[in-house]
């Protein structure tokens, strides 16, 4: 570790110099500068592997050289994580923001990628797309965030040029790259992001910031189905994405029902999310009779399948009432089949996919959490720090562990 300074003046406290001698991490040095140098602390950036602390006008400016690399967790291939060293990000350019990653949520995409079942995942890959971050530095022209802001990240890197993008469908850009899936993500210390993909959320905790993207998936799926008060909504699958769908189905004013084959998850839905109407499916057709009893034979006007199971998705249309809407928010690489004439055509059903989410979904969710309309407290059931993540991750795949949402602390 080496250090040097530029500008007028010198170290205002010998403890700052001794901190370098002890090779403390850059974030610790920031705290030392803030706490012990009466000059205060302005903006922070990384330029040519140098942490740059810029103090207010009239105070010294210091450049502190740090290690050229930082730690990251990489999914080298299915079921094979490893810790690697990667280069520090460059200084943010125009429209870019340098952020410190604090929290990373683990979702079904990460699990499917780990198992080799995610159709859009490529290897090797640094995962992490559900992020709670802190802004460190901003590039030219950035006005929506400032250093120190806590933010949620919209991880869908769209091209802004294709027809879907120009039409406002940025969630399904023809050239879409999702961080942590098609390109490297946030399971590391610092990353560069487009400013337009950051949503300020200073009123939320870092854990809540990391939950926003999961909730956005459910928000968009419910928007696609468009349930209204007086209708029946059936959510199939009570995993993290299903739970996010439930949150917004409830907010729509429609009657919400949940179906799953896991009794433990249905108990969570009843006790923690306040959904009284649940159906335990056994695969013997009894769930259809249970649904008819709950709805007086009307079935569900909106069915949202969040399982990612082609078998469940094939059966989902059978739970929709006449003129109903069916939304697939789960993803499968297998064929989905269903009878057309007696079910799809006779009932005049509408079948839709739901992919990712849109920018207004993030804005809405941040406000809903801040206003207390969405209670995030039951969500996070498991946590780990960066160095523990590789060891504990396989256990998070086991249903008996009761994982709803796991979150990794990076810093």
Protein backbone atom coordinates (compact mmCIF):
# COMPACT_ATOMS: atom_id res chain seq x y z
CA UNK A 1 0.00 0.00 0.00
CA UNK A 2 1.34 3.42 -0.94
CA UNK A 3 -0.01 6.90 -0.40
CA UNK A 4 0.65 10.42 -1.57
CA UNK A 5 -1.09 13.76 -1.58
CA UNK A 6 -1.45 16.76 -3.84
CA UNK A 7 -2.54 20.33 -3.21
CA UNK A 8 -1.68 22.63 -0.34
CA UNK A 9 -1.33 21.69 3.29
CA UNK A 10 -0.67 18.28 4.71
CA UNK A 11 -2.27 15.61 6.84
CA UNK A 12 -4.23 17.40 9.57
CA UNK A 13 -4.09 14.46 11.90
CA UNK A 14 -1.31 11.93 12.27
CA UNK A 15 -3.92 9.23 12.71
CA UNK A 16 -4.76 9.60 9.01
CA UNK A 17 -1.16 8.79 8.07
CA UNK A 18 -1.06 5.92 10.54
CA UNK A 19 -4.25 4.57 8.99
CA UNK A 20 -2.42 4.21 5.69
CA UNK A 21 0.48 2.56 7.44
CA UNK A 22 -1.97 0.01 8.84
CA UNK A 23 -3.34 -0.48 5.30
CA UNK A 24 -6.93 0.21 6.24
CA UNK A 25 -9.53 -0.06 3.52
CA UNK A 26 -10.49 3.10 1.60
CA UNK A 27 -13.94 3.30 3.20
CA UNK A 28 -12.27 3.34 6.65
CA UNK A 29 -10.01 6.16 5.50
CA UNK A 30 -13.02 8.15 4.36
CA UNK A 31 -14.43 7.84 7.85
CA UNK A 32 -11.11 8.92 9.36
CA UNK A 33 -10.96 11.97 7.11
CA UNK A 34 -14.55 12.87 7.94
CA UNK A 35 -14.16 12.34 11.68
CA UNK A 36 -10.66 13.66 12.33
CA UNK A 37 -9.90 16.23 9.65
CA UNK A 38 -11.74 19.41 10.41
CA UNK A 39 -11.62 20.37 6.76
CA UNK A 40 -14.65 18.14 6.12
CA UNK A 41 -15.08 15.80 3.19
CA UNK A 42 -16.55 16.43 -0.22
CA UNK A 43 -16.83 14.11 -3.17
CA UNK A 44 -15.08 10.78 -3.61
CA UNK A 45 -14.01 9.23 -6.89
CA UNK A 46 -11.70 6.57 -8.27
CA UNK A 47 -9.23 7.64 -10.95
CA UNK A 48 -6.56 5.29 -12.25
CA UNK A 49 -6.93 3.05 -9.19
CA UNK A 50 -6.61 6.05 -6.87
CA UNK A 51 -9.25 7.01 -4.36
CA UNK A 52 -9.66 10.78 -4.65
CA UNK A 53 -11.08 12.72 -1.71
CA UNK A 54 -12.06 16.24 -2.69
CA UNK A 55 -12.55 18.57 0.26
CA UNK A 56 -14.61 21.76 0.12
CA UNK A 57 -13.18 24.87 -1.51
CA UNK A 58 -10.33 26.30 0.54
CA UNK A 59 -9.35 22.98 2.11
CA UNK A 60 -6.56 20.62 1.02
CA UNK A 61 -7.21 17.93 -1.55
CA UNK A 62 -5.68 14.53 -1.04
CA UNK A 63 -5.17 11.63 -3.46
CA UNK A 64 -4.74 8.29 -1.74
CA UNK A 65 -3.44 5.38 -3.80
CA UNK A 66 -5.05 2.03 -3.01
CA UNK A 67 -4.86 -1.53 -4.18
CA UNK A 68 -5.50 -1.95 -7.90
CA UNK A 69 -7.98 -4.76 -7.28
CA UNK A 70 -11.10 -5.46 -5.26
CA UNK A 71 -12.86 -8.68 -4.33
CA UNK A 72 -15.81 -10.16 -6.20
CA UNK A 73 -17.73 -13.43 -6.18
CA UNK A 74 -17.99 -15.09 -9.57
CA UNK A 75 -20.21 -17.95 -10.69
CA UNK A 76 -17.59 -19.64 -12.84
CA UNK A 77 -19.99 -22.32 -14.07
CA UNK A 78 -23.17 -23.93 -12.71
CA UNK A 79 -22.79 -24.83 -9.03
CA UNK A 80 -19.28 -23.37 -8.83
CA UNK A 81 -18.73 -20.03 -7.09
CA UNK A 82 -15.28 -18.60 -6.46
CA UNK A 83 -13.79 -15.40 -5.04
CA UNK A 84 -11.77 -13.41 -7.55
CA UNK A 85 -9.88 -10.12 -7.77
CA UNK A 86 -11.14 -7.60 -10.31
CA UNK A 87 -9.96 -4.13 -11.27
CA UNK A 88 -11.31 -1.06 -9.52
CA UNK A 89 -13.86 0.83 -11.65
CA UNK A 90 -12.69 3.85 -13.60
CA UNK A 91 -13.84 7.33 -12.69
CA UNK A 92 -17.46 7.94 -13.73
CA UNK A 93 -17.86 9.47 -17.16
CA UNK A 94 -20.67 11.66 -18.40
CA UNK A 95 -24.01 10.30 -17.20
CA UNK A 96 -22.35 7.68 -15.01
CA UNK A 97 -22.22 7.11 -11.27
CA UNK A 98 -19.74 5.24 -9.10
CA UNK A 99 -21.52 3.37 -6.31
CA UNK A 100 -20.52 1.29 -3.34
CA UNK A 101 -22.54 -1.92 -3.12
CA UNK A 102 -23.82 -2.52 0.40
CA UNK A 103 -26.54 -5.18 0.02
CA UNK A 104 -27.30 -7.82 -2.60
CA UNK A 105 -30.58 -9.73 -2.61
CA UNK A 106 -30.66 -13.34 -3.78
CA UNK A 107 -33.62 -14.31 -5.95
CA UNK A 108 -34.85 -17.11 -8.18
CA UNK A 109 -32.73 -15.86 -11.08
CA UNK A 110 -29.57 -16.30 -9.02
CA UNK A 111 -30.68 -19.77 -7.94
CA UNK A 112 -31.56 -20.78 -11.50
CA UNK A 113 -28.23 -19.42 -12.71
CA UNK A 114 -26.43 -21.42 -10.02
CA UNK A 115 -28.29 -24.58 -11.10
CA UNK A 116 -27.71 -23.90 -14.80
CA UNK A 117 -31.42 -23.52 -15.53
CA UNK A 118 -31.68 -19.79 -16.29
CA UNK A 119 -32.14 -19.29 -20.05
CA UNK A 120 -30.53 -15.84 -20.20
CA UNK A 121 -27.59 -16.53 -17.86
CA UNK A 122 -24.03 -16.72 -19.23
CA UNK A 123 -20.82 -17.88 -17.55
CA UNK A 124 -18.53 -16.94 -15.96
CA UNK A 125 -20.58 -14.22 -14.31
CA UNK A 126 -20.44 -11.97 -11.26
CA UNK A 127 -24.05 -12.21 -10.00
CA UNK A 128 -26.07 -9.59 -8.17
CA UNK A 129 -28.92 -7.54 -9.60
CA UNK A 130 -31.00 -6.76 -6.49
CA UNK A 131 -28.85 -4.01 -5.06
CA UNK A 132 -28.82 -1.50 -2.24
CA UNK A 133 -26.05 0.98 -3.03
CA UNK A 134 -24.51 4.27 -1.93
CA UNK A 135 -23.41 6.92 -4.43
CA UNK A 136 -19.68 7.71 -4.19
CA UNK A 137 -19.13 9.98 -7.18
CA UNK A 138 -21.02 11.29 -10.19
CA UNK A 139 -19.93 12.10 -13.72
CA UNK A 140 -20.73 15.15 -15.77
CA UNK A 141 -24.38 15.93 -16.33
CA UNK A 142 -25.74 13.77 -13.50
CA UNK A 143 -28.48 15.56 -11.61
CA UNK A 144 -30.77 12.85 -10.21
CA UNK A 145 -28.37 11.60 -7.51
CA UNK A 146 -25.49 12.97 -5.45
CA UNK A 147 -22.68 11.47 -3.34
CA UNK A 148 -24.02 9.92 -0.17
CA UNK A 149 -27.44 9.02 -1.60
CA UNK A 150 -28.82 5.56 -0.92
CA UNK A 151 -30.35 4.09 -4.06
CA UNK A 152 -32.13 1.12 -5.49
CA UNK A 153 -30.83 -0.08 -8.83
CA UNK A 154 -32.87 -0.77 -11.95
CA UNK A 155 -30.63 -3.51 -13.35
CA UNK A 156 -31.98 -3.64 -16.90
CA UNK A 157 -29.42 -2.06 -19.24
CA UNK A 158 -31.44 -1.15 -22.32
CA UNK A 159 -30.05 0.28 -25.57
CA UNK A 160 -32.48 3.24 -25.81
CA UNK A 161 -32.45 2.87 -29.62
CA UNK A 162 -34.58 -0.15 -30.58
CA UNK A 163 -38.32 0.03 -31.25
CA UNK A 164 -39.38 -1.32 -27.81
CA UNK A 165 -37.14 1.24 -26.09
CA UNK A 166 -38.49 4.11 -28.17
CA UNK A 167 -42.02 2.92 -27.40
CA UNK A 168 -41.33 2.95 -23.65
CA UNK A 169 -40.94 -0.83 -23.22
CA UNK A 170 -37.44 -0.56 -21.79
CA UNK A 171 -38.01 -3.76 -19.79
CA UNK A 172 -37.96 -5.85 -22.96
CA UNK A 173 -35.38 -4.01 -25.05
CA UNK A 174 -34.25 -6.06 -28.05
CA UNK A 175 -30.64 -5.73 -26.83
CA UNK A 176 -31.33 -5.92 -23.11
CA UNK A 177 -28.48 -6.80 -20.77
CA UNK A 178 -29.40 -7.45 -17.14
CA UNK A 179 -26.53 -6.93 -14.72
CA UNK A 180 -25.66 -10.07 -12.82
CA UNK A 181 -27.23 -12.19 -15.57
CA UNK A 182 -25.90 -11.29 -19.04
CA UNK A 183 -23.21 -8.88 -17.79
CA UNK A 184 -21.35 -8.72 -14.49
CA UNK A 185 -23.36 -7.54 -11.50
CA UNK A 186 -23.02 -6.22 -8.01
CA UNK A 187 -21.50 -9.05 -5.95
CA UNK A 188 -18.43 -6.87 -5.46
CA UNK A 189 -17.38 -3.69 -3.69
CA UNK A 190 -17.89 -0.89 -6.22
CA UNK A 191 -19.42 -0.64 -9.69
CA UNK A 192 -20.15 1.97 -12.33
CA UNK A 193 -23.75 2.42 -13.42
CA UNK A 194 -25.71 4.75 -15.69
CA UNK A 195 -27.27 7.46 -13.55
CA UNK A 196 -30.64 6.81 -15.20
CA UNK A 197 -30.68 3.36 -13.57
CA UNK A 198 -30.41 4.70 -10.02
CA UNK A 199 -33.52 5.47 -7.98
CA UNK A 200 -32.83 7.61 -4.88
CA UNK A 201 -34.25 6.05 -1.72
CA UNK A 202 -32.70 7.88 1.22
CA UNK A 203 -35.80 7.21 3.33
CA UNK A 204 -35.25 3.43 3.01
CA UNK A 205 -32.70 1.16 4.64
CA UNK A 206 -30.07 -0.48 2.45
CA UNK A 207 -31.88 -3.81 2.88
CA UNK A 208 -35.10 -2.23 1.66
CA UNK A 209 -33.28 -0.73 -1.32
CA UNK A 210 -32.17 -4.24 -2.28
CA UNK A 211 -35.78 -5.50 -2.09
CA UNK A 212 -37.20 -2.91 -4.50
CA UNK A 213 -36.26 -4.81 -7.67
CA UNK A 214 -37.94 -8.02 -6.48
CA UNK A 215 -41.07 -6.05 -5.67
CA UNK A 216 -40.90 -4.36 -9.06
CA UNK A 217 -41.20 -7.73 -10.81
CA UNK A 218 -44.49 -8.37 -8.99
CA UNK A 219 -45.68 -4.82 -9.57
CA UNK A 220 -45.21 -5.12 -13.32
CA UNK A 221 -46.88 -8.53 -13.46
CA UNK A 222 -49.95 -7.23 -11.63
CA UNK A 223 -50.04 -4.20 -13.90
CA UNK A 224 -50.11 -6.57 -16.85
CA UNK A 225 -53.04 -8.52 -15.41
CA UNK A 226 -54.77 -5.28 -14.33
CA UNK A 227 -57.03 -6.68 -11.59
CA UNK A 228 -59.66 -4.40 -10.11
CA UNK A 229 -61.83 -4.42 -7.00
CA UNK A 230 -64.47 -7.16 -7.18
CA UNK A 231 -62.32 -9.56 -9.18
CA UNK A 232 -60.58 -12.72 -8.03
CA UNK A 233 -56.80 -12.93 -8.43
CA UNK A 234 -55.07 -16.29 -8.13
CA UNK A 235 -51.31 -16.18 -7.55
CA UNK A 236 -49.64 -19.52 -8.23
CA UNK A 237 -46.33 -19.93 -6.41
CA UNK A 238 -45.45 -18.31 -3.09
CA UNK A 239 -41.72 -17.88 -3.59
CA UNK A 240 -40.12 -14.41 -3.56
CA UNK A 241 -41.59 -13.39 -6.92
CA UNK A 242 -44.99 -14.77 -5.98
CA UNK A 243 -44.85 -12.80 -2.74
CA UNK A 244 -44.10 -9.63 -4.66
CA UNK A 245 -47.10 -10.34 -6.88
CA UNK A 246 -49.24 -10.83 -3.76
CA UNK A 247 -48.23 -7.41 -2.42
CA UNK A 248 -49.57 -5.65 -5.49
CA UNK A 249 -52.58 -7.90 -5.98
CA UNK A 250 -53.66 -6.85 -2.49
CA UNK A 251 -53.08 -3.16 -3.30
CA UNK A 252 -55.30 -3.49 -6.39
CA UNK A 253 -58.36 -4.05 -4.20
CA UNK A 254 -59.10 -7.41 -5.81
CA UNK A 255 -59.62 -10.54 -3.75
CA UNK A 256 -56.27 -12.33 -3.55
CA UNK A 257 -55.89 -16.12 -3.41
CA UNK A 258 -52.63 -18.06 -3.34
CA UNK A 259 -51.84 -21.59 -4.49
CA UNK A 260 -48.66 -23.52 -3.72
CA UNK A 261 -47.52 -27.08 -3.08
CA UNK A 262 -45.50 -26.02 -0.02
CA UNK A 263 -47.60 -25.82 3.15
CA UNK A 264 -44.90 -23.83 4.96
CA UNK A 265 -45.02 -21.09 2.35
CA UNK A 266 -48.80 -20.92 2.47
CA UNK A 267 -48.61 -20.56 6.25
CA UNK A 268 -46.24 -17.61 5.73
CA UNK A 269 -48.73 -16.05 3.30
CA UNK A 270 -51.56 -16.36 5.82
CA UNK A 271 -49.70 -15.29 8.95
CA UNK A 272 -47.27 -12.68 7.58
CA UNK A 273 -49.06 -11.30 4.54
CA UNK A 274 -52.66 -11.48 5.67
CA UNK A 275 -54.00 -13.58 2.80
CA UNK A 276 -56.72 -15.86 4.17
CA UNK A 277 -57.58 -17.76 0.98
CA UNK A 278 -54.88 -20.31 0.18
CA UNK A 279 -54.94 -23.59 -1.71
CA UNK A 280 -52.47 -26.42 -1.15
CA UNK A 281 -52.07 -28.15 -4.48
CA UNK A 282 -51.39 -31.88 -4.46
CA UNK A 283 -51.35 -32.44 -8.20
CA UNK A 284 -54.49 -34.56 -8.12
CA UNK A 285 -56.98 -31.99 -9.42
CA UNK A 286 -58.44 -31.21 -6.01
CA UNK A 287 -57.10 -27.65 -6.23
CA UNK A 288 -59.56 -26.91 -9.03
CA UNK A 289 -62.51 -27.90 -6.84
CA UNK A 290 -61.09 -25.84 -3.98
CA UNK A 291 -60.87 -22.80 -6.27
CA UNK A 292 -64.46 -23.28 -7.44
CA UNK A 293 -65.64 -23.39 -3.85
CA UNK A 294 -63.75 -20.20 -2.96
CA UNK A 295 -65.15 -18.31 -5.95
CA UNK A 296 -68.67 -19.72 -6.19
CA UNK A 297 -67.75 -21.33 -9.48
CA UNK A 298 -66.55 -18.09 -11.10
CA UNK A 299 -62.86 -19.09 -10.95
CA UNK A 300 -60.20 -16.38 -11.18
CA UNK A 301 -60.48 -13.35 -13.41
CA UNK A 302 -56.70 -12.93 -13.20
CA UNK A 303 -54.23 -15.82 -12.83
CA UNK A 304 -50.55 -14.98 -12.32
CA UNK A 305 -48.16 -17.92 -12.42
CA UNK A 306 -44.88 -17.22 -10.62
CA UNK A 307 -43.57 -20.78 -10.45
CA UNK A 308 -41.30 -21.06 -13.48
CA UNK A 309 -42.64 -24.62 -13.85
CA UNK A 310 -43.84 -25.55 -17.31
CA UNK A 311 -46.29 -28.01 -15.78
CA UNK A 312 -47.84 -25.36 -13.57
CA UNK A 313 -47.89 -22.84 -16.41
CA UNK A 314 -49.65 -25.35 -18.65
CA UNK A 315 -52.33 -25.88 -16.01
CA UNK A 316 -52.74 -22.18 -15.15
CA UNK A 317 -55.28 -21.49 -17.89
CA UNK A 318 -57.61 -24.05 -16.36
CA UNK A 319 -57.98 -21.86 -13.28
CA UNK A 320 -59.07 -18.76 -15.23
CA UNK A 321 -62.73 -17.86 -15.52
CA UNK A 322 -64.44 -16.77 -18.71
CA UNK A 323 -62.85 -13.64 -20.25
CA UNK A 324 -60.00 -14.02 -17.75
CA UNK A 325 -56.38 -12.94 -18.04
CA UNK A 326 -53.40 -15.23 -17.46
CA UNK A 327 -49.94 -13.79 -16.79
CA UNK A 328 -46.70 -15.78 -16.84
CA UNK A 329 -44.12 -14.02 -14.69
CA UNK A 330 -42.04 -17.17 -14.12
CA UNK A 331 -39.59 -18.40 -16.77
CA UNK A 332 -39.18 -21.90 -18.15
CA UNK A 333 -37.07 -23.40 -20.93
CA UNK A 334 -39.56 -26.24 -21.35
CA UNK A 335 -42.65 -26.37 -23.56
CA UNK A 336 -45.91 -25.00 -22.21
CA UNK A 337 -48.99 -26.70 -23.67
CA UNK A 338 -52.72 -26.31 -23.13
CA UNK A 339 -55.97 -27.18 -24.91
CA UNK A 340 -57.03 -24.36 -27.19
CA UNK A 341 -60.66 -24.96 -28.15
CA UNK A 342 -62.21 -26.03 -24.81
CA UNK A 343 -60.17 -23.67 -22.59
CA UNK A 344 -58.35 -20.83 -24.35
CA UNK A 345 -60.90 -20.20 -27.10
CA UNK A 346 -64.15 -21.10 -25.35
CA UNK A 347 -63.36 -18.89 -22.38
CA UNK A 348 -61.82 -16.16 -24.55
CA UNK A 349 -58.77 -15.95 -22.34
CA UNK A 350 -55.96 -13.44 -22.68
CA UNK A 351 -52.46 -14.84 -22.19
CA UNK A 352 -49.57 -12.50 -21.36
CA UNK A 353 -45.92 -12.63 -20.39
CA UNK A 354 -44.39 -10.29 -17.85
CA UNK A 355 -40.71 -9.45 -18.06
CA UNK A 356 -38.72 -7.31 -15.62
CA UNK A 357 -40.22 -3.93 -14.70
CA UNK A 358 -40.42 -0.28 -15.74
CA UNK A 359 -38.86 2.84 -14.16
CA UNK A 360 -42.16 4.11 -12.68
CA UNK A 361 -42.51 0.80 -10.82
CA UNK A 362 -39.35 1.57 -8.85
CA UNK A 363 -40.51 5.07 -7.99
CA UNK A 364 -43.88 3.78 -6.83
CA UNK A 365 -42.41 1.00 -4.70
CA UNK A 366 -39.93 3.27 -2.91
CA UNK A 367 -42.82 5.55 -1.95
CA UNK A 368 -45.02 2.64 -0.85
CA UNK A 369 -42.29 1.32 1.43
CA UNK A 370 -41.52 4.78 2.81
CA UNK A 371 -45.23 5.38 3.49
CA UNK A 372 -45.59 2.04 5.26
CA UNK A 373 -48.00 0.54 2.74
CA UNK A 374 -45.59 -2.32 2.07
CA UNK A 375 -44.12 -3.96 5.17
CA UNK A 376 -40.72 -5.38 4.28
CA UNK A 377 -39.99 -6.79 7.73
CA UNK A 378 -41.18 -10.37 7.03
CA UNK A 379 -39.26 -10.60 3.78
CA UNK A 380 -35.62 -11.05 4.79
CA UNK A 381 -35.32 -14.43 6.50
CA UNK A 382 -31.62 -15.17 5.89
CA UNK A 383 -28.49 -13.02 5.80
CA UNK A 384 -24.77 -13.53 5.20
CA UNK A 385 -21.68 -11.40 4.83
CA UNK A 386 -19.59 -11.46 1.67
CA UNK A 387 -17.03 -13.97 2.95
CA UNK A 388 -19.76 -16.41 4.05
CA UNK A 389 -21.86 -16.33 0.91
CA UNK A 390 -20.20 -19.15 -1.06
CA UNK A 391 -20.46 -21.54 1.86
CA UNK A 392 -24.06 -20.88 2.80
CA UNK A 393 -25.57 -20.45 -0.68
CA UNK A 394 -26.27 -24.16 -1.37
CA UNK A 395 -28.30 -24.36 1.84
CA UNK A 396 -30.54 -21.54 0.64
CA UNK A 397 -31.78 -23.86 -2.12
CA UNK A 398 -33.31 -26.33 0.34
CA UNK A 399 -37.04 -25.79 1.01
CA UNK A 400 -36.69 -27.01 4.58
CA UNK A 401 -34.48 -24.00 5.44
CA UNK A 402 -37.52 -21.76 4.98
CA UNK A 403 -35.72 -19.16 2.90
CA UNK A 404 -37.97 -16.39 1.66
CA UNK A 405 -35.34 -13.80 0.84
CA UNK A 406 -31.60 -13.98 1.55
CA UNK A 407 -29.47 -10.83 1.54
CA UNK A 408 -25.69 -10.59 1.35
CA UNK A 409 -23.87 -7.70 3.06
CA UNK A 410 -20.92 -6.46 1.02
CA UNK A 411 -19.92 -3.44 3.10
